[in-house]
Amino acid sequence: MSLNNAQLDATRRELATNLQLPGLTAADIAARLDLDEDEVTRAIAVDIADPRHVWMVRNIIETAARDNGAEPVPDSSLTEANRSRATT
């Protein structure tokens, strides 16, 4: 799945907003996903070679937000319909 600049910007904003809801840090997410902190930071910035990491990070953030009783802002581009398009 390839995103245009507007979609990339929206996804960055959505991930950053949702990251604040559960109070997770990049280190917390990295530990849960067995990634390094730089990979998580790049995924949140949507500046990464492997889009699967963006999806993995998104899932952790949204699950943690819901577990804390918060409702994440909806994803405009990282929709379930687009999940299968996430390839390297």
PDB file of N, CA and C in Angstrom:
ATOM      1  N   MET A   1       0.844  -1.170   0.000  1.00  0.00           N
ATOM      2  CA  MET A   1       0.000   0.000   0.000  1.00  0.00           C
ATOM      3  C   MET A   1       0.884   1.226   0.000  1.00  0.00           C
ATOM      4  N   SER A   2       0.638   2.102  -0.896  1.00  0.00           N
ATOM      5  CA  SER A   2       1.408   3.329  -0.993  1.00  0.00           C
ATOM      6  C   SER A   2       0.493   4.503  -0.672  1.00  0.00           C
ATOM      7  N   LEU A   3       0.934   5.353   0.232  1.00  0.00           N
ATOM      8  CA  LEU A   3       0.143   6.504   0.625  1.00  0.00           C
ATOM      9  C   LEU A   3       0.678   7.761  -0.034  1.00  0.00           C
ATOM     10  N   ASN A   4      -0.222   8.669  -0.395  1.00  0.00           N
ATOM     11  CA  ASN A   4       0.231   9.955  -0.918  1.00  0.00           C
ATOM     12  C   ASN A   4       0.614  10.864   0.255  1.00  0.00           C
ATOM     13  N   ASN A   5       1.128  12.035  -0.033  1.00  0.00           N
ATOM     14  CA  ASN A   5       1.619  12.930   1.030  1.00  0.00           C
ATOM     15  C   ASN A   5       0.532  13.317   2.021  1.00  0.00           C
ATOM     16  N   ALA A   6      -0.664  13.600   1.532  1.00  0.00           N
ATOM     17  CA  ALA A   6      -1.758  13.967   2.430  1.00  0.00           C
ATOM     18  C   ALA A   6      -2.128  12.801   3.352  1.00  0.00           C
ATOM     19  N   GLN A   7      -2.141  11.594   2.811  1.00  0.00           N
ATOM     20  CA  GLN A   7      -2.443  10.410   3.620  1.00  0.00           C
ATOM     21  C   GLN A   7      -1.338  10.154   4.642  1.00  0.00           C
ATOM     22  N   LEU A   8      -0.087  10.347   4.235  1.00  0.00           N
ATOM     23  CA  LEU A   8       1.027  10.182   5.168  1.00  0.00           C
ATOM     24  C   LEU A   8       0.919  11.181   6.317  1.00  0.00           C
ATOM     25  N   ASP A   9       0.634  12.434   5.999  1.00  0.00           N
ATOM     26  CA  ASP A   9       0.497  13.458   7.039  1.00  0.00           C
ATOM     27  C   ASP A   9      -0.647  13.126   7.990  1.00  0.00           C
ATOM     28  N   ALA A  10      -1.776  12.707   7.441  1.00  0.00           N
ATOM     29  CA  ALA A  10      -2.925  12.350   8.280  1.00  0.00           C
ATOM     30  C   ALA A  10      -2.591  11.161   9.173  1.00  0.00           C
ATOM     31  N   THR A  11      -1.916  10.179   8.626  1.00  0.00           N
ATOM     32  CA  THR A  11      -1.551   8.991   9.404  1.00  0.00           C
ATOM     33  C   THR A  11      -0.589   9.360  10.524  1.00  0.00           C
ATOM     34  N   ARG A  12       0.372  10.221  10.243  1.00  0.00           N
ATOM     35  CA  ARG A  12       1.300  10.692  11.291  1.00  0.00           C
ATOM     36  C   ARG A  12       0.532  11.368  12.428  1.00  0.00           C
ATOM     37  N   ARG A  13      -0.399  12.243  12.066  1.00  0.00           N
ATOM     38  CA  ARG A  13      -1.189  12.951  13.087  1.00  0.00           C
ATOM     39  C   ARG A  13      -2.041  11.972  13.892  1.00  0.00           C
ATOM     40  N   GLU A  14      -2.663  11.035  13.212  1.00  0.00           N
ATOM     41  CA  GLU A  14      -3.522  10.062  13.896  1.00  0.00           C
ATOM     42  C   GLU A  14      -2.715   9.190  14.853  1.00  0.00           C
ATOM     43  N   LEU A  15      -1.566   8.715  14.412  1.00  0.00           N
ATOM     44  CA  LEU A  15      -0.726   7.896  15.285  1.00  0.00           C
ATOM     45  C   LEU A  15      -0.233   8.697  16.485  1.00  0.00           C
ATOM     46  N   ALA A  16       0.205   9.931  16.254  1.00  0.00           N
ATOM     47  CA  ALA A  16       0.709  10.767  17.348  1.00  0.00           C
ATOM     48  C   ALA A  16      -0.396  11.081  18.357  1.00  0.00           C
ATOM     49  N   THR A  17      -1.584  11.371  17.860  1.00  0.00           N
ATOM     50  CA  THR A  17      -2.715  11.644  18.746  1.00  0.00           C
ATOM     51  C   THR A  17      -3.075  10.414  19.558  1.00  0.00           C
ATOM     52  N   ASN A  18      -3.173   9.283  18.892  1.00  0.00           N
ATOM     53  CA  ASN A  18      -3.548   8.049  19.582  1.00  0.00           C
ATOM     54  C   ASN A  18      -2.479   7.590  20.555  1.00  0.00           C
ATOM     55  N   LEU A  19      -1.228   7.886  20.270  1.00  0.00           N
ATOM     56  CA  LEU A  19      -0.135   7.499  21.169  1.00  0.00           C
ATOM     57  C   LEU A  19      -0.282   8.165  22.530  1.00  0.00           C
ATOM     58  N   GLN A  20      -0.844   9.338  22.577  1.00  0.00           N
ATOM     59  CA  GLN A  20      -1.015  10.060  23.839  1.00  0.00           C
ATOM     60  C   GLN A  20      -2.081   9.423  24.733  1.00  0.00           C
ATOM     61  N   LEU A  21      -3.032   8.719  24.143  1.00  0.00           N
ATOM     62  CA  LEU A  21      -4.157   8.174  24.908  1.00  0.00           C
ATOM     63  C   LEU A  21      -3.744   7.142  25.960  1.00  0.00           C
ATOM     64  N   PRO A  22      -2.925   6.149  25.617  1.00  0.00           N
ATOM     65  CA  PRO A  22      -2.556   5.167  26.636  1.00  0.00           C
ATOM     66  C   PRO A  22      -1.305   5.549  27.422  1.00  0.00           C
ATOM     67  N   GLY A  23      -0.609   6.605  27.004  1.00  0.00           N
ATOM     68  CA  GLY A  23       0.601   7.015  27.700  1.00  0.00           C
ATOM     69  C   GLY A  23       1.791   6.106  27.456  1.00  0.00           C
ATOM     70  N   LEU A  24       1.811   5.426  26.338  1.00  0.00           N
ATOM     71  CA  LEU A  24       2.939   4.559  26.003  1.00  0.00           C
ATOM     72  C   LEU A  24       4.101   5.377  25.453  1.00  0.00           C
ATOM     73  N   THR A  25       5.295   4.862  25.636  1.00  0.00           N
ATOM     74  CA  THR A  25       6.473   5.441  25.010  1.00  0.00           C
ATOM     75  C   THR A  25       6.914   4.528  23.870  1.00  0.00           C
ATOM     76  N   ALA A  26       7.798   5.046  23.043  1.00  0.00           N
ATOM     77  CA  ALA A  26       8.352   4.213  21.974  1.00  0.00           C
ATOM     78  C   ALA A  26       9.040   2.984  22.560  1.00  0.00           C
ATOM     79  N   ALA A  27       9.689   3.146  23.707  1.00  0.00           N
ATOM     80  CA  ALA A  27      10.361   2.013  24.357  1.00  0.00           C
ATOM     81  C   ALA A  27       9.353   0.959  24.805  1.00  0.00           C
ATOM     82  N   ASP A  28       8.205   1.396  25.324  1.00  0.00           N
ATOM     83  CA  ASP A  28       7.152   0.445  25.733  1.00  0.00           C
ATOM     84  C   ASP A  28       6.676  -0.379  24.540  1.00  0.00           C
ATOM     85  N   ILE A  29       6.421   0.316  23.437  1.00  0.00           N
ATOM     86  CA  ILE A  29       5.930  -0.362  22.238  1.00  0.00           C
ATOM     87  C   ILE A  29       6.993  -1.292  21.680  1.00  0.00           C
ATOM     88  N   ALA A  30       8.232  -0.830  21.664  1.00  0.00           N
ATOM     89  CA  ALA A  30       9.336  -1.654  21.156  1.00  0.00           C
ATOM     90  C   ALA A  30       9.440  -2.957  21.937  1.00  0.00           C
ATOM     91  N   ALA A  31       9.309  -2.883  23.242  1.00  0.00           N
ATOM     92  CA  ALA A  31       9.403  -4.085  24.071  1.00  0.00           C
ATOM     93  C   ALA A  31       8.266  -5.058  23.767  1.00  0.00           C
ATOM     94  N   ARG A  32       7.080  -4.531  23.521  1.00  0.00           N
ATOM     95  CA  ARG A  32       5.932  -5.395  23.223  1.00  0.00           C
ATOM     96  C   ARG A  32       6.046  -6.064  21.862  1.00  0.00           C
ATOM     97  N   LEU A  33       6.721  -5.397  20.930  1.00  0.00           N
ATOM     98  CA  LEU A  33       6.789  -5.911  19.554  1.00  0.00           C
ATOM     99  C   LEU A  33       8.119  -6.556  19.200  1.00  0.00           C
ATOM    100  N   ASP A  34       9.048  -6.545  20.128  1.00  0.00           N
ATOM    101  CA  ASP A  34      10.394  -7.061  19.850  1.00  0.00           C
ATOM    102  C   ASP A  34      11.023  -6.317  18.664  1.00  0.00           C
ATOM    103  N   LEU A  35      10.833  -5.001  18.655  1.00  0.00           N
ATOM    104  CA  LEU A  35      11.483  -4.111  17.694  1.00  0.00           C
ATOM    105  C   LEU A  35      12.408  -3.210  18.484  1.00  0.00           C
ATOM    106  N   ASP A  36      13.291  -2.512  17.777  1.00  0.00           N
ATOM    107  CA  ASP A  36      14.072  -1.535  18.515  1.00  0.00           C
ATOM    108  C   ASP A  36      13.327  -0.203  18.531  1.00  0.00           C
ATOM    109  N   GLU A  37      13.707   0.644  19.465  1.00  0.00           N
ATOM    110  CA  GLU A  37      13.004   1.902  19.664  1.00  0.00           C
ATOM    111  C   GLU A  37      13.024   2.780  18.410  1.00  0.00           C
ATOM    112  N   ASP A  38      14.125   2.744  17.662  1.00  0.00           N
ATOM    113  CA  ASP A  38      14.216   3.528  16.429  1.00  0.00           C
ATOM    114  C   ASP A  38      13.183   3.062  15.404  1.00  0.00           C
ATOM    115  N   GLU A  39      12.979   1.757  15.304  1.00  0.00           N
ATOM    116  CA  GLU A  39      11.976   1.240  14.369  1.00  0.00           C
ATOM    117  C   GLU A  39      10.578   1.721  14.744  1.00  0.00           C
ATOM    118  N   VAL A  40      10.299   1.760  16.036  1.00  0.00           N
ATOM    119  CA  VAL A  40       8.996   2.229  16.498  1.00  0.00           C
ATOM    120  C   VAL A  40       8.846   3.725  16.221  1.00  0.00           C
ATOM    121  N   THR A  41       9.872   4.499  16.515  1.00  0.00           N
ATOM    122  CA  THR A  41       9.834   5.938  16.257  1.00  0.00           C
ATOM    123  C   THR A  41       9.613   6.217  14.776  1.00  0.00           C
ATOM    124  N   ARG A  42      10.296   5.467  13.933  1.00  0.00           N
ATOM    125  CA  ARG A  42      10.126   5.632  12.483  1.00  0.00           C
ATOM    126  C   ARG A  42       8.734   5.200  12.035  1.00  0.00           C
ATOM    127  N   ALA A  43       8.185   4.180  12.662  1.00  0.00           N
ATOM    128  CA  ALA A  43       6.827   3.739  12.312  1.00  0.00           C
ATOM    129  C   ALA A  43       5.809   4.819  12.680  1.00  0.00           C
ATOM    130  N   ILE A  44       5.959   5.420  13.842  1.00  0.00           N
ATOM    131  CA  ILE A  44       5.045   6.483  14.266  1.00  0.00           C
ATOM    132  C   ILE A  44       5.145   7.679  13.325  1.00  0.00           C
ATOM    133  N   ALA A  45       6.342   7.935  12.832  1.00  0.00           N
ATOM    134  CA  ALA A  45       6.555   9.035  11.883  1.00  0.00           C
ATOM    135  C   ALA A  45       6.215   8.620  10.450  1.00  0.00           C
ATOM    136  N   VAL A  46       5.841   7.369  10.262  1.00  0.00           N
ATOM    137  CA  VAL A  46       5.555   6.787   8.950  1.00  0.00           C
ATOM    138  C   VAL A  46       6.731   7.068   8.009  1.00  0.00           C
ATOM    139  N   ASP A  47       7.911   6.867   8.554  1.00  0.00           N
ATOM    140  CA  ASP A  47       9.169   7.060   7.822  1.00  0.00           C
ATOM    141  C   ASP A  47       9.945   5.756   7.933  1.00  0.00           C
ATOM    142  N   ILE A  48       9.438   4.730   7.262  1.00  0.00           N
ATOM    143  CA  ILE A  48       9.977   3.392   7.479  1.00  0.00           C
ATOM    144  C   ILE A  48       9.865   2.569   6.202  1.00  0.00           C
ATOM    145  N   ALA A  49      10.805   1.701   6.010  1.00  0.00           N
ATOM    146  CA  ALA A  49      10.811   0.871   4.810  1.00  0.00           C
ATOM    147  C   ALA A  49       9.764  -0.238   4.873  1.00  0.00           C
ATOM    148  N   ASP A  50       9.427  -0.702   6.059  1.00  0.00           N
ATOM    149  CA  ASP A  50       8.504  -1.825   6.199  1.00  0.00           C
ATOM    150  C   ASP A  50       7.160  -1.337   6.747  1.00  0.00           C
ATOM    151  N   PRO A  51       6.156  -1.193   5.900  1.00  0.00           N
ATOM    152  CA  PRO A  51       4.866  -0.686   6.368  1.00  0.00           C
ATOM    153  C   PRO A  51       4.186  -1.598   7.383  1.00  0.00           C
ATOM    154  N   ARG A  52       4.604  -2.851   7.438  1.00  0.00           N
ATOM    155  CA  ARG A  52       4.013  -3.746   8.449  1.00  0.00           C
ATOM    156  C   ARG A  52       4.301  -3.245   9.847  1.00  0.00           C
ATOM    157  N   HIS A  53       5.451  -2.590  10.048  1.00  0.00           N
ATOM    158  CA  HIS A  53       5.769  -2.043  11.372  1.00  0.00           C
ATOM    159  C   HIS A  53       4.790  -0.940  11.750  1.00  0.00           C
ATOM    160  N   VAL A  54       4.378  -0.139  10.770  1.00  0.00           N
ATOM    161  CA  VAL A  54       3.395   0.914  11.045  1.00  0.00           C
ATOM    162  C   VAL A  54       2.104   0.271  11.543  1.00  0.00           C
ATOM    163  N   TRP A  55       1.667  -0.772  10.879  1.00  0.00           N
ATOM    164  CA  TRP A  55       0.447  -1.476  11.295  1.00  0.00           C
ATOM    165  C   TRP A  55       0.607  -2.100  12.678  1.00  0.00           C
ATOM    166  N   MET A  56       1.740  -2.705  12.940  1.00  0.00           N
ATOM    167  CA  MET A  56       1.975  -3.333  14.239  1.00  0.00           C
ATOM    168  C   MET A  56       1.924  -2.294  15.362  1.00  0.00           C
ATOM    169  N   VAL A  57       2.591  -1.162  15.133  1.00  0.00           N
ATOM    170  CA  VAL A  57       2.604  -0.089  16.126  1.00  0.00           C
ATOM    171  C   VAL A  57       1.196   0.465  16.315  1.00  0.00           C
ATOM    172  N   ARG A  58       0.501   0.685  15.226  1.00  0.00           N
ATOM    173  CA  ARG A  58      -0.876   1.176  15.293  1.00  0.00           C
ATOM    174  C   ARG A  58      -1.734   0.252  16.146  1.00  0.00           C
ATOM    175  N   ASN A  59      -1.610  -1.050  15.936  1.00  0.00           N
ATOM    176  CA  ASN A  59      -2.415  -2.013  16.683  1.00  0.00           C
ATOM    177  C   ASN A  59      -2.128  -1.956  18.180  1.00  0.00           C
ATOM    178  N   ILE A  60      -0.854  -1.868  18.543  1.00  0.00           N
ATOM    179  CA  ILE A  60      -0.479  -1.780  19.960  1.00  0.00           C
ATOM    180  C   ILE A  60      -1.050  -0.516  20.582  1.00  0.00           C
ATOM    181  N   ILE A  61      -0.895   0.616  19.888  1.00  0.00           N
ATOM    182  CA  ILE A  61      -1.392   1.894  20.409  1.00  0.00           C
ATOM    183  C   ILE A  61      -2.909   1.856  20.600  1.00  0.00           C
ATOM    184  N   GLU A  62      -3.620   1.398  19.582  1.00  0.00           N
ATOM    185  CA  GLU A  62      -5.080   1.404  19.667  1.00  0.00           C
ATOM    186  C   GLU A  62      -5.601   0.419  20.708  1.00  0.00           C
ATOM    187  N   THR A  63      -4.984  -0.730  20.817  1.00  0.00           N
ATOM    188  CA  THR A  63      -5.396  -1.703  21.839  1.00  0.00           C
ATOM    189  C   THR A  63      -5.150  -1.149  23.231  1.00  0.00           C
ATOM    190  N   ALA A  64      -3.979  -0.549  23.446  1.00  0.00           N
ATOM    191  CA  ALA A  64      -3.664   0.020  24.757  1.00  0.00           C
ATOM    192  C   ALA A  64      -4.608   1.168  25.103  1.00  0.00           C
ATOM    193  N   ALA A  65      -4.945   1.986  24.115  1.00  0.00           N
ATOM    194  CA  ALA A  65      -5.882   3.085  24.362  1.00  0.00           C
ATOM    195  C   ALA A  65      -7.236   2.533  24.806  1.00  0.00           C
ATOM    196  N   ARG A  66      -7.733   1.546  24.083  1.00  0.00           N
ATOM    197  CA  ARG A  66      -9.041   0.954  24.435  1.00  0.00           C
ATOM    198  C   ARG A  66      -8.982   0.266  25.797  1.00  0.00           C
ATOM    199  N   ASP A  67      -7.859  -0.395  26.091  1.00  0.00           N
ATOM    200  CA  ASP A  67      -7.697  -1.042  27.398  1.00  0.00           C
ATOM    201  C   ASP A  67      -7.737  -0.025  28.532  1.00  0.00           C
ATOM    202  N   ASN A  68      -7.373   1.220  28.228  1.00  0.00           N
ATOM    203  CA  ASN A  68      -7.396   2.297  29.222  1.00  0.00           C
ATOM    204  C   ASN A  68      -8.696   3.093  29.169  1.00  0.00           C
ATOM    205  N   GLY A  69      -9.674   2.604  28.414  1.00  0.00           N
ATOM    206  CA  GLY A  69     -10.973   3.243  28.378  1.00  0.00           C
ATOM    207  C   GLY A  69     -11.098   4.412  27.418  1.00  0.00           C
ATOM    208  N   ALA A  70     -10.116   4.596  26.554  1.00  0.00           N
ATOM    209  CA  ALA A  70     -10.148   5.693  25.581  1.00  0.00           C
ATOM    210  C   ALA A  70     -10.517   5.143  24.208  1.00  0.00           C
ATOM    211  N   GLU A  71     -11.089   5.993  23.402  1.00  0.00           N
ATOM    212  CA  GLU A  71     -11.424   5.604  22.033  1.00  0.00           C
ATOM    213  C   GLU A  71     -10.467   6.317  21.084  1.00  0.00           C
ATOM    214  N   PRO A  72      -9.621   5.571  20.369  1.00  0.00           N
ATOM    215  CA  PRO A  72      -8.665   6.187  19.446  1.00  0.00           C
ATOM    216  C   PRO A  72      -9.375   6.943  18.330  1.00  0.00           C
ATOM    217  N   VAL A  73      -8.718   7.976  17.830  1.00  0.00           N
ATOM    218  CA  VAL A  73      -9.266   8.657  16.661  1.00  0.00           C
ATOM    219  C   VAL A  73      -9.235   7.662  15.506  1.00  0.00           C
ATOM    220  N   PRO A  74     -10.230   7.718  14.643  1.00  0.00           N
ATOM    221  CA  PRO A  74     -10.283   6.768  13.518  1.00  0.00           C
ATOM    222  C   PRO A  74      -9.107   6.965  12.563  1.00  0.00           C
ATOM    223  N   ASP A  75      -8.692   5.869  11.976  1.00  0.00           N
ATOM    224  CA  ASP A  75      -7.625   5.898  10.981  1.00  0.00           C
ATOM    225  C   ASP A  75      -8.223   6.208   9.621  1.00  0.00           C
ATOM    226  N   SER A  76      -7.686   7.212   8.954  1.00  0.00           N
ATOM    227  CA  SER A  76      -8.210   7.563   7.641  1.00  0.00           C
ATOM    228  C   SER A  76      -7.619   6.702   6.532  1.00  0.00           C
ATOM    229  N   SER A  77      -6.388   6.241   6.715  1.00  0.00           N
ATOM    230  CA  SER A  77      -5.744   5.417   5.687  1.00  0.00           C
ATOM    231  C   SER A  77      -5.441   4.006   6.163  1.00  0.00           C
ATOM    232  N   LEU A  78      -5.154   3.847   7.444  1.00  0.00           N
ATOM    233  CA  LEU A  78      -4.842   2.515   7.973  1.00  0.00           C
ATOM    234  C   LEU A  78      -6.136   1.808   8.360  1.00  0.00           C
ATOM    235  N   THR A  79      -6.938   1.564   7.364  1.00  0.00           N
ATOM    236  CA  THR A  79      -8.224   0.903   7.571  1.00  0.00           C
ATOM    237  C   THR A  79      -8.068  -0.603   7.393  1.00  0.00           C
ATOM    238  N   GLU A  80      -9.014  -1.330   7.916  1.00  0.00           N
ATOM    239  CA  GLU A  80      -8.968  -2.784   7.768  1.00  0.00           C
ATOM    240  C   GLU A  80      -8.995  -3.178   6.299  1.00  0.00           C
ATOM    241  N   ALA A  81      -9.701  -2.422   5.491  1.00  0.00           N
ATOM    242  CA  ALA A  81      -9.752  -2.724   4.063  1.00  0.00           C
ATOM    243  C   ALA A  81      -8.379  -2.590   3.402  1.00  0.00           C
ATOM    244  N   ASN A  82      -7.527  -1.748   3.958  1.00  0.00           N
ATOM    245  CA  ASN A  82      -6.189  -1.534   3.372  1.00  0.00           C
ATOM    246  C   ASN A  82      -5.110  -2.413   4.002  1.00  0.00           C
ATOM    247  N   ARG A  83      -5.449  -3.138   5.060  1.00  0.00           N
ATOM    248  CA  ARG A  83      -4.435  -3.929   5.797  1.00  0.00           C
ATOM    249  C   ARG A  83      -3.687  -4.900   4.887  1.00  0.00           C
ATOM    250  N   SER A  84      -4.375  -5.593   4.021  1.00  0.00           N
ATOM    251  CA  SER A  84      -3.732  -6.603   3.179  1.00  0.00           C
ATOM    252  C   SER A  84      -2.787  -5.976   2.160  1.00  0.00           C
ATOM    253  N   ARG A  85      -2.889  -4.692   1.940  1.00  0.00           N
ATOM    254  CA  ARG A  85      -2.011  -4.019   0.993  1.00  0.00           C
ATOM    255  C   ARG A  85      -0.673  -3.622   1.593  1.00  0.00           C
ATOM    256  N   ALA A  86      -0.510  -3.787   2.888  1.00  0.00           N
ATOM    257  CA  ALA A  86       0.722  -3.408   3.578  1.00  0.00           C
ATOM    258  C   ALA A  86       1.798  -4.433   3.251  1.00  0.00           C
ATOM    259  N   THR A  87       2.662  -4.092   2.350  1.00  0.00           N
ATOM    260  CA  THR A  87       3.744  -4.988   1.932  1.00  0.00           C
ATOM    261  C   THR A  87       5.048  -4.215   1.936  1.00  0.00           C
ATOM    262  N   THR A  88       6.112  -4.930   1.836  1.00  0.00           N
ATOM    263  CA  THR A  88       7.421  -4.273   1.801  1.00  0.00           C
ATOM    264  C   THR A  88       7.742  -3.848   0.393  1.00  0.00           C
TER     265      THR A  88
END
